[in-house]
C-alpha cells in the first residue's frame, strides 16, 4: 500500500499506545466495546469504571482531552435521539424536574448514552493513535475479507478526489451565477449529483484499467506486513481484560 496522508482524527505521537501494532489495538477496542455492551444498564458504577479505564489510556497515549472531546461531537444526533426516548416511551412514569417521563424510557436513554459514548470514545482514541495505512494493515492482519479491505482502502484514497470534484463543480456553478436559494433550485443540484456519480464511475473504470494493466488480479500485494510480540499482545489486552472484569462484577454485584 502506498503512503497515505494522515487523516484528521490522527494525532502524531510516540507513546506506547502509538507504537502498538494496529491489529492489537483493533482487537483490544473491539473486545472493550463488547464488554461495555454486555454490561447491564443498571450497573451505573461500571460505566464510570469504563470511563476511568479510557481516561488512563488517553493519558498513556498523551492525547489531549480537548482533542478527544471535540471529536465526540459526532455523537450529537444520537444524543438528541436518546433525549427524546423518555418522552415517547410507554410504561410507568416518574416525575423528573417537574416533567412526567417514562421510567423505561429513562433507562433506555441512559443505556444508549453511556454505551454509545464509551464506544465512540474508544473508536476515536483508536483513530487518534493509528494512521489509516496502519488500520488497513491491521484489518488485513486480522484476516478481514480482502475484498472489504480493498473497498475501504479505495474509499479512503479517493474520498478526497471526489471531494475535489464536488468543489470544482460548485465553483463552476458559482461562476455562472448560480446560488441555491430554494426548492426550485433542487433540480440543478440533482443534476450535479448525477453528473458527479457519472464522473466518479468513469474515473473508477480508468483506475481499474490502469491497475489491470499493471498486473492486478483481484488482490492487493502486501508491501509491509505487521507482526506483534507476546508482550505487545499482553499490553494491548490490559484494557479489554479490565473491562471484562468490570462487566462480570456488574452482573454479580
Protein backbone atom coordinates (compact mmCIF):
# COMPACT_ATOMS: atom_id res chain seq x y z
CA UNK A 1 0.00 0.00 0.00
CA UNK A 2 1.34 3.40 -0.93
CA UNK A 3 1.79 6.21 1.55
CA UNK A 4 -1.37 8.00 2.69
CA UNK A 5 -1.84 11.44 4.15
CA UNK A 6 -2.61 11.49 7.88
CA UNK A 7 -6.34 11.74 8.50
CA UNK A 8 -7.90 14.47 10.62
CA UNK A 9 -8.61 12.14 13.53
CA UNK A 10 -4.97 11.08 13.85
CA UNK A 11 -2.64 12.83 16.28
CA UNK A 12 1.04 12.14 15.76
CA UNK A 13 2.85 10.84 18.80
CA UNK A 14 5.43 8.39 20.13
CA UNK A 15 3.57 6.98 23.12
CA UNK A 16 3.41 3.25 23.96
CA UNK A 17 -0.13 3.21 22.55
CA UNK A 18 1.03 4.69 19.24
CA UNK A 19 3.77 2.07 18.97
CA UNK A 20 1.44 -0.90 19.43
CA UNK A 21 0.75 -2.94 16.26
CA UNK A 22 -2.54 -1.86 14.69
CA UNK A 23 -4.21 -5.28 14.83
CA UNK A 24 -3.57 -5.44 18.58
CA UNK A 25 -5.30 -2.09 19.07
CA UNK A 26 -8.23 -3.02 16.83
CA UNK A 27 -8.79 -6.29 18.68
CA UNK A 28 -8.48 -4.53 22.07
CA UNK A 29 -11.04 -1.85 21.14
CA UNK A 30 -13.46 -4.45 19.76
CA UNK A 31 -13.28 -6.56 22.93
CA UNK A 32 -13.64 -3.46 25.10
CA UNK A 33 -16.78 -2.37 23.25
CA UNK A 34 -18.25 -5.87 23.52
CA UNK A 35 -17.68 -5.83 27.29
CA UNK A 36 -19.33 -2.40 27.55
CA UNK A 37 -22.35 -3.52 25.51
CA UNK A 38 -22.72 -6.70 27.59
CA UNK A 39 -22.82 -4.74 30.87
CA UNK A 40 -26.30 -4.41 32.44
CA UNK A 41 -27.57 -0.85 32.26
CA UNK A 42 -28.47 -0.87 35.95
CA UNK A 43 -24.76 -1.15 36.90
CA UNK A 44 -24.19 2.59 36.69
CA UNK A 45 -20.90 2.40 38.58
CA UNK A 46 -19.49 0.05 35.91
CA UNK A 47 -19.75 2.72 33.21
CA UNK A 48 -17.85 5.12 35.45
CA UNK A 49 -15.15 2.46 35.74
CA UNK A 50 -15.04 2.11 31.94
CA UNK A 51 -14.63 5.87 31.62
CA UNK A 52 -11.69 5.75 34.06
CA UNK A 53 -10.09 2.96 32.03
CA UNK A 54 -10.38 5.02 28.84
CA UNK A 55 -9.01 8.06 30.67
CA UNK A 56 -5.97 6.01 31.68
CA UNK A 57 -5.39 5.01 28.05
CA UNK A 58 -5.81 8.64 26.94
CA UNK A 59 -3.18 9.71 29.47
CA UNK A 60 -0.83 6.95 28.35
CA UNK A 61 -1.32 7.91 24.69
CA UNK A 62 -0.76 11.61 25.56
CA UNK A 63 -3.85 12.64 23.61
CA UNK A 64 -5.25 15.98 24.87
CA UNK A 65 -8.71 15.72 26.36
CA UNK A 66 -9.90 18.64 24.23
CA UNK A 67 -8.81 16.85 21.07
CA UNK A 68 -10.88 13.84 22.06
CA UNK A 69 -13.93 15.79 23.25
CA UNK A 70 -14.17 17.83 20.04
CA UNK A 71 -14.33 14.65 18.00
CA UNK A 72 -17.02 13.22 20.23
CA UNK A 73 -19.39 15.81 18.76
CA UNK A 74 -20.16 13.27 16.04
CA UNK A 75 -22.38 11.63 18.65
CA UNK A 76 -24.71 14.64 18.96
CA UNK A 77 -27.51 13.19 16.70
CA UNK A 78 -27.63 10.03 18.81
CA UNK A 79 -27.73 12.12 21.98
CA UNK A 80 -30.72 14.04 20.60
CA UNK A 81 -32.47 10.76 19.83
CA UNK A 82 -31.78 9.40 23.31
CA UNK A 83 -33.14 12.56 24.94
CA UNK A 84 -36.47 12.07 23.18
CA UNK A 85 -36.94 8.47 24.35
CA UNK A 86 -38.28 9.27 27.86
CA UNK A 87 -40.97 11.48 26.29
CA UNK A 88 -42.29 8.91 23.80
CA UNK A 89 -41.74 5.57 25.56
CA UNK A 90 -44.59 3.85 27.40
CA UNK A 91 -44.72 2.23 30.84
CA UNK A 92 -44.70 3.63 34.38
CA UNK A 93 -44.00 7.37 34.60
CA UNK A 94 -41.88 9.24 37.12
CA UNK A 95 -41.55 12.94 37.90
CA UNK A 96 -38.18 14.46 36.96
CA UNK A 97 -37.77 18.24 37.39
CA UNK A 98 -41.49 18.68 37.04
CA UNK A 99 -41.72 16.55 33.89
CA UNK A 100 -43.56 13.25 33.62
CA UNK A 101 -41.12 10.86 31.97
CA UNK A 102 -41.25 7.16 31.16
CA UNK A 103 -39.16 5.10 33.56
CA UNK A 104 -38.27 2.55 30.87
CA UNK A 105 -37.51 5.43 28.51
CA UNK A 106 -35.08 6.92 31.02
CA UNK A 107 -33.26 3.61 31.35
CA UNK A 108 -33.20 3.25 27.56
CA UNK A 109 -31.79 6.77 27.12
CA UNK A 110 -29.14 6.11 29.76
CA UNK A 111 -28.24 2.81 28.09
CA UNK A 112 -27.75 4.47 24.69
CA UNK A 113 -25.85 7.46 26.06
CA UNK A 114 -23.49 5.50 28.30
CA UNK A 115 -22.64 2.66 25.95
CA UNK A 116 -22.67 4.81 22.82
CA UNK A 117 -20.39 7.45 24.30
CA UNK A 118 -17.89 4.88 25.55
CA UNK A 119 -17.89 3.09 22.19
CA UNK A 120 -17.41 6.31 20.22
CA UNK A 121 -14.66 7.46 22.60
CA UNK A 122 -12.79 4.17 22.20
CA UNK A 123 -13.09 4.38 18.40
CA UNK A 124 -11.90 7.99 18.33
CA UNK A 125 -8.96 7.06 20.55
CA UNK A 126 -8.08 4.22 18.17
CA UNK A 127 -8.17 6.60 15.20
CA UNK A 128 -6.15 9.21 17.11
CA UNK A 129 -3.28 6.78 17.71
CA UNK A 130 -3.30 4.80 14.45
CA UNK A 131 -2.69 6.01 10.90
CA UNK A 132 -5.07 4.98 8.13
CA UNK A 133 -2.47 2.86 6.41
CA UNK A 134 -1.79 1.01 9.66
CA UNK A 135 -5.51 0.47 10.25
CA UNK A 136 -5.82 -1.21 6.85
CA UNK A 137 -2.75 -3.35 7.55
CA UNK A 138 -4.22 -4.29 10.92
CA UNK A 139 -7.52 -5.35 9.37
CA UNK A 140 -5.59 -7.37 6.83
CA UNK A 141 -3.56 -8.99 9.59
CA UNK A 142 -6.78 -9.91 11.43
CA UNK A 143 -7.89 -11.84 8.34
CA UNK A 144 -10.71 -9.49 7.43
CA UNK A 145 -12.09 -10.42 3.95
CA UNK A 146 -9.61 -8.95 1.43
CA UNK A 147 -12.39 -7.50 -0.70
CA UNK A 148 -13.69 -5.43 2.22
CA UNK A 149 -10.16 -4.20 2.99
CA UNK A 150 -9.71 -3.16 -0.64
CA UNK A 151 -13.06 -1.33 -0.67
CA UNK A 152 -12.10 0.54 2.50
CA UNK A 153 -8.70 1.35 1.02
CA UNK A 154 -10.18 2.79 -2.17
CA UNK A 155 -12.78 4.76 -0.21
CA UNK A 156 -10.03 6.37 1.84
CA UNK A 157 -7.75 7.01 -1.12
CA UNK A 158 -10.34 8.51 -3.45
CA UNK A 159 -12.63 10.24 -0.97
CA UNK A 160 -10.54 13.41 -1.29
CA UNK A 161 -10.59 13.06 -5.08
CA UNK A 162 -14.39 13.02 -5.13
CA UNK A 163 -14.44 15.91 -2.68
CA UNK A 164 -12.22 17.96 -5.01
CA UNK A 165 -14.53 17.13 -7.92
CA UNK A 166 -17.51 18.41 -5.91
CA UNK A 167 -15.62 21.60 -5.09
CA UNK A 168 -14.80 22.23 -8.75
CA UNK A 169 -18.43 21.70 -9.74
CA UNK A 170 -19.56 24.10 -7.04
CA UNK A 171 -17.10 26.74 -8.26
CA UNK A 172 -18.32 26.22 -11.83
CA UNK A 173 -21.94 26.78 -10.75
CA UNK A 174 -21.00 29.86 -8.77
CA UNK A 175 -19.03 31.32 -11.70
CA UNK A 176 -22.23 31.12 -13.75
CA UNK A 177 -24.20 32.99 -11.13
CA UNK A 178 -25.98 30.01 -9.59
CA UNK A 179 -26.91 30.12 -5.92
CA UNK A 180 -29.26 27.59 -4.32
CA UNK A 181 -31.93 29.59 -2.53
CA UNK A 182 -34.98 27.35 -2.52
CA UNK A 183 -36.83 24.29 -3.75
CA UNK A 184 -36.81 25.50 -7.35
CA UNK A 185 -33.03 25.05 -7.45
CA UNK A 186 -33.11 21.43 -6.31
CA UNK A 187 -33.28 20.28 -9.93
CA UNK A 188 -29.87 21.81 -10.66
CA UNK A 189 -28.40 20.21 -7.54
CA UNK A 190 -29.90 16.83 -8.53
CA UNK A 191 -28.32 17.09 -12.00
CA UNK A 192 -25.00 17.97 -10.37
CA UNK A 193 -25.25 14.89 -8.15
CA UNK A 194 -25.94 12.74 -11.22
CA UNK A 195 -23.00 14.25 -13.07
CA UNK A 196 -20.77 13.62 -10.05
CA UNK A 197 -21.87 9.96 -9.97
CA UNK A 198 -21.07 9.52 -13.68
CA UNK A 199 -17.67 11.20 -13.37
CA UNK A 200 -16.83 9.08 -10.32
CA UNK A 201 -17.87 5.90 -12.13
CA UNK A 202 -15.78 6.79 -15.17
CA UNK A 203 -12.79 7.62 -13.00
CA UNK A 204 -13.19 4.27 -11.24
CA UNK A 205 -13.21 2.50 -14.61
CA UNK A 206 -9.99 4.25 -15.63
CA UNK A 207 -8.34 3.41 -12.33
CA UNK A 208 -9.38 -0.24 -12.66
CA UNK A 209 -8.00 -0.47 -16.21
CA UNK A 210 -4.73 1.09 -15.04
CA UNK A 211 -4.49 -1.46 -12.20
CA UNK A 212 -5.22 -4.40 -14.54
CA UNK A 213 -2.57 -3.19 -16.97
CA UNK A 214 -0.09 -3.30 -14.09
CA UNK A 215 -0.91 -6.89 -13.14
CA UNK A 216 -3.81 -6.51 -10.73
CA UNK A 217 -5.57 -9.88 -10.36
CA UNK A 218 -8.13 -9.23 -7.63
CA UNK A 219 -5.88 -8.79 -4.60
CA UNK A 220 -3.50 -6.09 -3.45
CA UNK A 221 0.10 -7.03 -2.66
CA UNK A 222 1.18 -6.82 0.98
CA UNK A 223 4.14 -4.45 0.93
CA UNK A 224 4.67 -4.12 4.67
CA UNK A 225 3.34 -6.82 6.97
CA UNK A 226 2.99 -6.11 10.68
CA UNK A 227 3.61 -8.60 13.46
CA UNK A 228 3.17 -8.42 17.22
CA UNK A 229 5.14 -9.97 20.04
CA UNK A 230 3.59 -11.71 23.01
CA UNK A 231 4.47 -8.70 25.19
CA UNK A 232 2.63 -6.34 22.83
CA UNK A 233 -0.46 -8.56 22.83
CA UNK A 234 -0.34 -8.63 26.65
CA UNK A 235 -0.04 -4.85 26.78
CA UNK A 236 -2.99 -4.41 24.42
CA UNK A 237 -5.07 -6.96 26.35
CA UNK A 238 -4.88 -4.90 29.55
CA UNK A 239 -7.84 -2.69 28.58
CA UNK A 240 -10.29 -5.44 27.49
CA UNK A 241 -9.23 -7.67 30.41
CA UNK A 242 -10.02 -4.92 32.90
CA UNK A 243 -13.29 -4.18 31.09
CA UNK A 244 -14.24 -7.85 31.23
CA UNK A 245 -13.61 -7.90 34.99
CA UNK A 246 -15.85 -4.83 35.41
CA UNK A 247 -18.55 -6.45 33.26
CA UNK A 248 -18.54 -9.64 35.34
CA UNK A 249 -18.76 -7.66 38.55
CA UNK A 250 -21.63 -5.66 37.06
CA UNK A 251 -23.60 -8.88 36.63
CA UNK A 252 -22.72 -10.36 40.01
CA UNK A 253 -22.95 -7.34 42.35
